[in-house]
Amino acid sequence: MKEEGFRIRQQFAPHFVTFTVVGWVDLFSRKACRDILINNLKYCIEHKGLLLYAYVIMTNHVHAIMVAEQDTKGLSFLIRDFKSYSSKQLSTWILSDSKESRKAWMTDIFRHFGFTSGNVDLFQIWTHDNRPMEIFQMDFFNQKLNYIHQNPVKAGFVRNPEDFLYSSASNYAGFEENILDVIVIDNWSNTGYIR
């Protein structure tokens, strides 16, 4: 059962969300898996109406600030599609990549979670909860943006947030070449979302 405080009530409002790999498996320690996520995010931006303000891909979870464009079905549907398609691609990678040293172990873990959840075909990659938090104030946006960008620093991967390749910190630092384009926000009230 989902916690009452963590549901998307406003489908077209920006939210801070977290996508977590079941069992905290470090799936995204592999570049191929991180790239699957980046390509899926790009597809959602270009074809599904995703507006992405910030993100970080850690080894076993992803944080993002995102919103769905008005002419879509809403953020819940967009997240569902992103997680479903990326899960299929990640499962295919796990099953087909003979060089992955953890293949048998990961296969067992993801099959176990798929079996116990009852509503997943073969594998379950993502937990069901995204812990969405609606953002409608600049202070809260800045707090979550800082949290997202500090994740790799706190994990000891980099000294400076903008040095982490799979993060929007370089976008906010003004770097011209980034792995994924995001909408850089410097004043949340200009977006029309503030109440």
C-alpha atoms as a PDB file:
ATOM      1  CA  MET A   1       0.000   0.000   0.000  1.00  0.00           C
ATOM      2  CA  LYS A   2       1.329   3.443  -0.871  1.00  0.00           C
ATOM      3  CA  GLU A   3       1.847   5.955   1.878  1.00  0.00           C
ATOM      4  CA  GLU A   4      -0.792   8.678   1.764  1.00  0.00           C
ATOM      5  CA  GLY A   5       1.800  11.464   1.743  1.00  0.00           C
ATOM      6  CA  PHE A   6       3.593  10.186  -1.359  1.00  0.00           C
ATOM      7  CA  ARG A   7       1.226  10.337  -4.327  1.00  0.00           C
ATOM      8  CA  ILE A   8       1.091  12.538  -7.378  1.00  0.00           C
ATOM      9  CA  ARG A   9      -2.078  14.541  -6.892  1.00  0.00           C
ATOM     10  CA  GLN A  10      -1.320  17.309  -9.381  1.00  0.00           C
ATOM     11  CA  GLN A  11      -0.390  15.516 -12.615  1.00  0.00           C
ATOM     12  CA  PHE A  12       1.011  18.664 -14.247  1.00  0.00           C
ATOM     13  CA  ALA A  13       2.953  20.062 -11.313  1.00  0.00           C
ATOM     14  CA  PRO A  14       6.710  19.539 -10.882  1.00  0.00           C
ATOM     15  CA  HIS A  15       7.788  16.816  -8.490  1.00  0.00           C
ATOM     16  CA  PHE A  16      10.936  15.552  -6.859  1.00  0.00           C
ATOM     17  CA  VAL A  17      10.960  11.784  -7.470  1.00  0.00           C
ATOM     18  CA  THR A  18      13.200   8.859  -6.622  1.00  0.00           C
ATOM     19  CA  PHE A  19      13.448   5.651  -8.649  1.00  0.00           C
ATOM     20  CA  THR A  20      15.093   2.858  -6.657  1.00  0.00           C
ATOM     21  CA  VAL A  21      16.373  -0.508  -7.850  1.00  0.00           C
ATOM     22  CA  VAL A  22      14.843  -3.399  -5.873  1.00  0.00           C
ATOM     23  CA  GLY A  23      17.155  -4.808  -3.229  1.00  0.00           C
ATOM     24  CA  TRP A  24      19.397  -1.757  -3.683  1.00  0.00           C
ATOM     25  CA  VAL A  25      21.268  -3.681  -6.399  1.00  0.00           C
ATOM     26  CA  ASP A  26      24.091  -1.525  -7.825  1.00  0.00           C
ATOM     27  CA  LEU A  27      22.856  -1.930 -11.383  1.00  0.00           C
ATOM     28  CA  PHE A  28      23.990   1.518 -12.489  1.00  0.00           C
ATOM     29  CA  SER A  29      27.600   0.897 -11.584  1.00  0.00           C
ATOM     30  CA  ARG A  30      27.711  -0.269 -15.221  1.00  0.00           C
ATOM     31  CA  LYS A  31      27.970   2.410 -17.916  1.00  0.00           C
ATOM     32  CA  ALA A  32      25.701   0.443 -20.274  1.00  0.00           C
ATOM     33  CA  CYS A  33      22.888   0.581 -17.709  1.00  0.00           C
ATOM     34  CA  ARG A  34      23.366   4.292 -17.021  1.00  0.00           C
ATOM     35  CA  ASP A  35      23.261   4.910 -20.762  1.00  0.00           C
ATOM     36  CA  ILE A  36      19.984   2.985 -21.036  1.00  0.00           C
ATOM     37  CA  LEU A  37      18.478   5.424 -18.532  1.00  0.00           C
ATOM     38  CA  ILE A  38      19.916   8.477 -20.293  1.00  0.00           C
ATOM     39  CA  ASN A  39      18.515   7.293 -23.646  1.00  0.00           C
ATOM     40  CA  ASN A  40      15.116   6.630 -22.074  1.00  0.00           C
ATOM     41  CA  LEU A  41      15.050  10.069 -20.484  1.00  0.00           C
ATOM     42  CA  LYS A  42      15.993  11.650 -23.818  1.00  0.00           C
ATOM     43  CA  TYR A  43      13.172   9.742 -25.509  1.00  0.00           C
ATOM     44  CA  CYS A  44      10.675  10.897 -22.889  1.00  0.00           C
ATOM     45  CA  ILE A  45      11.822  14.495 -23.312  1.00  0.00           C
ATOM     46  CA  GLU A  46      11.640  14.376 -27.120  1.00  0.00           C
ATOM     47  CA  HIS A  47       8.492  12.264 -27.587  1.00  0.00           C
ATOM     48  CA  LYS A  48       6.461  11.992 -24.383  1.00  0.00           C
ATOM     49  CA  GLY A  49       6.310  15.524 -22.976  1.00  0.00           C
ATOM     50  CA  LEU A  50       8.772  15.201 -20.098  1.00  0.00           C
ATOM     51  CA  LEU A  51      10.217  18.439 -18.760  1.00  0.00           C
ATOM     52  CA  LEU A  52      13.339  17.593 -16.777  1.00  0.00           C
ATOM     53  CA  TYR A  53      14.803  20.160 -14.378  1.00  0.00           C
ATOM     54  CA  ALA A  54      17.390  18.071 -12.549  1.00  0.00           C
ATOM     55  CA  TYR A  55      18.618  14.485 -12.171  1.00  0.00           C
ATOM     56  CA  VAL A  56      21.347  12.253 -10.845  1.00  0.00           C
ATOM     57  CA  ILE A  57      21.935   8.590 -11.614  1.00  0.00           C
ATOM     58  CA  MET A  58      23.559   6.866  -8.641  1.00  0.00           C
ATOM     59  CA  THR A  59      24.562   3.195  -8.529  1.00  0.00           C
ATOM     60  CA  ASN A  60      21.164   1.938  -7.351  1.00  0.00           C
ATOM     61  CA  HIS A  61      18.749   4.858  -7.553  1.00  0.00           C
ATOM     62  CA  VAL A  62      17.859   7.960  -9.518  1.00  0.00           C
ATOM     63  CA  HIS A  63      16.664  11.322  -8.203  1.00  0.00           C
ATOM     64  CA  ALA A  64      14.967  13.824 -10.488  1.00  0.00           C
ATOM     65  CA  ILE A  65      12.850  16.937 -10.597  1.00  0.00           C
ATOM     66  CA  MET A  66      10.369  16.605 -13.434  1.00  0.00           C
ATOM     67  CA  VAL A  67       6.977  17.630 -14.737  1.00  0.00           C
ATOM     68  CA  ALA A  68       4.707  16.469 -17.560  1.00  0.00           C
ATOM     69  CA  GLU A  69       3.656  18.877 -20.296  1.00  0.00           C
ATOM     70  CA  GLN A  70      -0.027  19.860 -20.289  1.00  0.00           C
ATOM     71  CA  ASP A  71      -0.911  17.977 -23.490  1.00  0.00           C
ATOM     72  CA  THR A  72       0.105  14.587 -22.002  1.00  0.00           C
ATOM     73  CA  LYS A  73      -1.728  12.159 -19.712  1.00  0.00           C
ATOM     74  CA  GLY A  74       0.277  13.447 -16.749  1.00  0.00           C
ATOM     75  CA  LEU A  75       3.334  12.677 -14.686  1.00  0.00           C
ATOM     76  CA  SER A  76       2.117   9.358 -13.247  1.00  0.00           C
ATOM     77  CA  PHE A  77       1.675   7.948 -16.756  1.00  0.00           C
ATOM     78  CA  LEU A  78       5.005   9.322 -17.923  1.00  0.00           C
ATOM     79  CA  ILE A  79       6.821   7.770 -14.954  1.00  0.00           C
ATOM     80  CA  ARG A  80       5.025   4.454 -15.503  1.00  0.00           C
ATOM     81  CA  ASP A  81       6.086   4.390 -19.165  1.00  0.00           C
ATOM     82  CA  PHE A  82       9.691   5.372 -18.341  1.00  0.00           C
ATOM     83  CA  LYS A  83      10.048   2.708 -15.659  1.00  0.00           C
ATOM     84  CA  SER A  84       8.338   0.021 -17.730  1.00  0.00           C
ATOM     85  CA  TYR A  85      10.416   0.560 -20.864  1.00  0.00           C
ATOM     86  CA  SER A  86      13.726   1.065 -19.048  1.00  0.00           C
ATOM     87  CA  SER A  87      13.006  -2.078 -17.018  1.00  0.00           C
ATOM     88  CA  LYS A  88      12.549  -4.109 -20.219  1.00  0.00           C
ATOM     89  CA  GLN A  89      15.780  -2.757 -21.686  1.00  0.00           C
ATOM     90  CA  LEU A  90      17.739  -3.334 -18.485  1.00  0.00           C
ATOM     91  CA  SER A  91      16.374  -6.890 -18.215  1.00  0.00           C
ATOM     92  CA  THR A  92      17.405  -7.576 -21.798  1.00  0.00           C
ATOM     93  CA  TRP A  93      20.887  -6.234 -21.070  1.00  0.00           C
ATOM     94  CA  ILE A  94      21.253  -8.412 -17.970  1.00  0.00           C
ATOM     95  CA  LEU A  95      20.090 -11.566 -19.750  1.00  0.00           C
ATOM     96  CA  SER A  96      22.158 -11.004 -22.898  1.00  0.00           C
ATOM     97  CA  ASP A  97      25.423  -9.536 -21.594  1.00  0.00           C
ATOM     98  CA  SER A  98      27.765 -12.485 -21.132  1.00  0.00           C
ATOM     99  CA  LYS A  99      30.502 -10.197 -19.741  1.00  0.00           C
ATOM    100  CA  GLU A 100      28.471  -9.179 -16.681  1.00  0.00           C
ATOM    101  CA  SER A 101      30.123 -10.951 -13.742  1.00  0.00           C
ATOM    102  CA  ARG A 102      27.016 -10.544 -11.574  1.00  0.00           C
ATOM    103  CA  LYS A 103      24.570 -11.846 -14.187  1.00  0.00           C
ATOM    104  CA  ALA A 104      23.390 -14.979 -12.315  1.00  0.00           C
ATOM    105  CA  TRP A 105      23.128 -13.136  -9.015  1.00  0.00           C
ATOM    106  CA  MET A 106      21.190 -10.195 -10.508  1.00  0.00           C
ATOM    107  CA  THR A 107      18.922 -12.546 -12.446  1.00  0.00           C
ATOM    108  CA  ASP A 108      18.028 -14.348  -9.212  1.00  0.00           C
ATOM    109  CA  ILE A 109      17.410 -11.098  -7.320  1.00  0.00           C
ATOM    110  CA  PHE A 110      15.216  -9.501 -10.012  1.00  0.00           C
ATOM    111  CA  ARG A 111      13.274 -12.743 -10.601  1.00  0.00           C
ATOM    112  CA  HIS A 112      12.685 -13.075  -6.853  1.00  0.00           C
ATOM    113  CA  PHE A 113      11.262  -9.560  -6.607  1.00  0.00           C
ATOM    114  CA  GLY A 114       9.204 -10.126  -9.763  1.00  0.00           C
ATOM    115  CA  PHE A 115       7.771 -13.338  -8.354  1.00  0.00           C
ATOM    116  CA  THR A 116       6.963 -11.910  -4.923  1.00  0.00           C
ATOM    117  CA  SER A 117       5.347  -8.724  -6.272  1.00  0.00           C
ATOM    118  CA  GLY A 118       2.875 -10.738  -8.330  1.00  0.00           C
ATOM    119  CA  ASN A 119       2.297  -8.084 -10.985  1.00  0.00           C
ATOM    120  CA  VAL A 120       5.563  -8.217 -12.885  1.00  0.00           C
ATOM    121  CA  ASP A 121       6.147 -10.615 -15.780  1.00  0.00           C
ATOM    122  CA  LEU A 122       9.665 -11.930 -15.304  1.00  0.00           C
ATOM    123  CA  PHE A 123      11.883  -9.386 -13.610  1.00  0.00           C
ATOM    124  CA  GLN A 124      11.251  -6.491 -11.306  1.00  0.00           C
ATOM    125  CA  ILE A 125      13.948  -3.845 -11.605  1.00  0.00           C
ATOM    126  CA  TRP A 126      12.305  -0.846  -9.910  1.00  0.00           C
ATOM    127  CA  THR A 127      10.515  -0.570  -6.593  1.00  0.00           C
ATOM    128  CA  HIS A 128       6.893   0.483  -6.998  1.00  0.00           C
ATOM    129  CA  ASP A 129       7.096   3.677  -4.945  1.00  0.00           C
ATOM    130  CA  ASN A 130       8.650   6.827  -6.397  1.00  0.00           C
ATOM    131  CA  ARG A 131       8.185   8.960  -3.259  1.00  0.00           C
ATOM    132  CA  PRO A 132       6.992  11.992  -5.255  1.00  0.00           C
ATOM    133  CA  MET A 133       7.023  15.380  -3.565  1.00  0.00           C
ATOM    134  CA  GLU A 134       5.307  18.288  -5.281  1.00  0.00           C
ATOM    135  CA  ILE A 135       7.440  21.394  -5.692  1.00  0.00           C
ATOM    136  CA  PHE A 136       5.737  24.772  -5.576  1.00  0.00           C
ATOM    137  CA  GLN A 137       8.256  27.013  -3.803  1.00  0.00           C
ATOM    138  CA  MET A 138      11.713  28.132  -4.855  1.00  0.00           C
ATOM    139  CA  ASP A 139      13.194  27.252  -1.445  1.00  0.00           C
ATOM    140  CA  PHE A 140      11.974  23.657  -1.728  1.00  0.00           C
ATOM    141  CA  PHE A 141      13.194  23.455  -5.335  1.00  0.00           C
ATOM    142  CA  ASN A 142      16.652  24.676  -4.274  1.00  0.00           C
ATOM    143  CA  GLN A 143      16.735  22.231  -1.361  1.00  0.00           C
ATOM    144  CA  LYS A 144      15.952  19.267  -3.634  1.00  0.00           C
ATOM    145  CA  LEU A 145      18.266  20.519  -6.388  1.00  0.00           C
ATOM    146  CA  ASN A 146      21.129  20.731  -3.882  1.00  0.00           C
ATOM    147  CA  TYR A 147      20.254  17.282  -2.521  1.00  0.00           C
ATOM    148  CA  ILE A 148      20.316  15.799  -6.038  1.00  0.00           C
ATOM    149  CA  HIS A 149      23.618  17.393  -6.976  1.00  0.00           C
ATOM    150  CA  GLN A 150      25.320  16.604  -3.648  1.00  0.00           C
ATOM    151  CA  ASN A 151      24.517  12.856  -3.843  1.00  0.00           C
ATOM    152  CA  PRO A 152      27.726  11.916  -5.739  1.00  0.00           C
ATOM    153  CA  VAL A 153      29.802  14.169  -3.459  1.00  0.00           C
ATOM    154  CA  LYS A 154      28.392  12.563  -0.305  1.00  0.00           C
ATOM    155  CA  ALA A 155      28.977   9.125  -1.834  1.00  0.00           C
ATOM    156  CA  GLY A 156      32.642  10.037  -2.357  1.00  0.00           C
ATOM    157  CA  PHE A 157      32.549   9.737  -6.152  1.00  0.00           C
ATOM    158  CA  VAL A 158      33.621  13.343  -6.857  1.00  0.00           C
ATOM    159  CA  ARG A 159      34.775  16.423  -4.981  1.00  0.00           C
ATOM    160  CA  ASN A 160      32.531  18.816  -6.892  1.00  0.00           C
ATOM    161  CA  PRO A 161      28.957  18.107  -8.026  1.00  0.00           C
ATOM    162  CA  GLU A 162      29.578  19.341 -11.581  1.00  0.00           C
ATOM    163  CA  ASP A 163      32.322  16.716 -12.051  1.00  0.00           C
ATOM    164  CA  PHE A 164      29.836  13.843 -11.896  1.00  0.00           C
ATOM    165  CA  LEU A 165      28.968  12.920 -15.482  1.00  0.00           C
ATOM    166  CA  TYR A 166      25.497  11.441 -14.821  1.00  0.00           C
ATOM    167  CA  SER A 167      24.011  14.490 -13.171  1.00  0.00           C
ATOM    168  CA  SER A 168      22.527  17.837 -14.116  1.00  0.00           C
ATOM    169  CA  ALA A 169      25.025  19.666 -11.882  1.00  0.00           C
ATOM    170  CA  SER A 170      27.167  20.453 -14.929  1.00  0.00           C
ATOM    171  CA  ASN A 171      24.119  21.998 -16.622  1.00  0.00           C
ATOM    172  CA  TYR A 172      23.592  24.294 -13.630  1.00  0.00           C
ATOM    173  CA  ALA A 173      27.322  25.092 -13.531  1.00  0.00           C
ATOM    174  CA  GLY A 174      26.998  26.438 -17.077  1.00  0.00           C
ATOM    175  CA  PHE A 175      28.985  23.759 -18.892  1.00  0.00           C
ATOM    176  CA  GLU A 176      28.170  23.669 -22.591  1.00  0.00           C
ATOM    177  CA  GLU A 177      28.586  19.930 -23.121  1.00  0.00           C
ATOM    178  CA  ASN A 178      26.323  17.795 -20.967  1.00  0.00           C
ATOM    179  CA  ILE A 179      25.249  14.180 -21.200  1.00  0.00           C
ATOM    180  CA  LEU A 180      21.570  15.230 -21.040  1.00  0.00           C
ATOM    181  CA  ASP A 181      19.924  18.602 -21.526  1.00  0.00           C
ATOM    182  CA  VAL A 182      17.723  19.855 -18.707  1.00  0.00           C
ATOM    183  CA  ILE A 183      15.731  23.023 -18.154  1.00  0.00           C
ATOM    184  CA  VAL A 184      17.873  25.135 -15.852  1.00  0.00           C
ATOM    185  CA  ILE A 185      15.733  27.059 -13.371  1.00  0.00           C
ATOM    186  CA  ASP A 186      17.075  30.083 -11.551  1.00  0.00           C
ATOM    187  CA  ASN A 187      13.739  31.540 -10.463  1.00  0.00           C
ATOM    188  CA  TRP A 188      10.906  29.110  -9.834  1.00  0.00           C
ATOM    189  CA  SER A 189       8.258  31.881  -9.879  1.00  0.00           C
ATOM    190  CA  ASN A 190       8.963  32.433 -13.579  1.00  0.00           C
ATOM    191  CA  THR A 191       7.728  28.897 -14.338  1.00  0.00           C
ATOM    192  CA  GLY A 192       4.127  29.569 -13.301  1.00  0.00           C
ATOM    193  CA  TYR A 193       4.155  26.696 -10.796  1.00  0.00           C
ATOM    194  CA  ILE A 194       4.514  28.739  -7.633  1.00  0.00           C
ATOM    195  CA  ARG A 195       1.374  29.123  -5.513  1.00  0.00           C
END
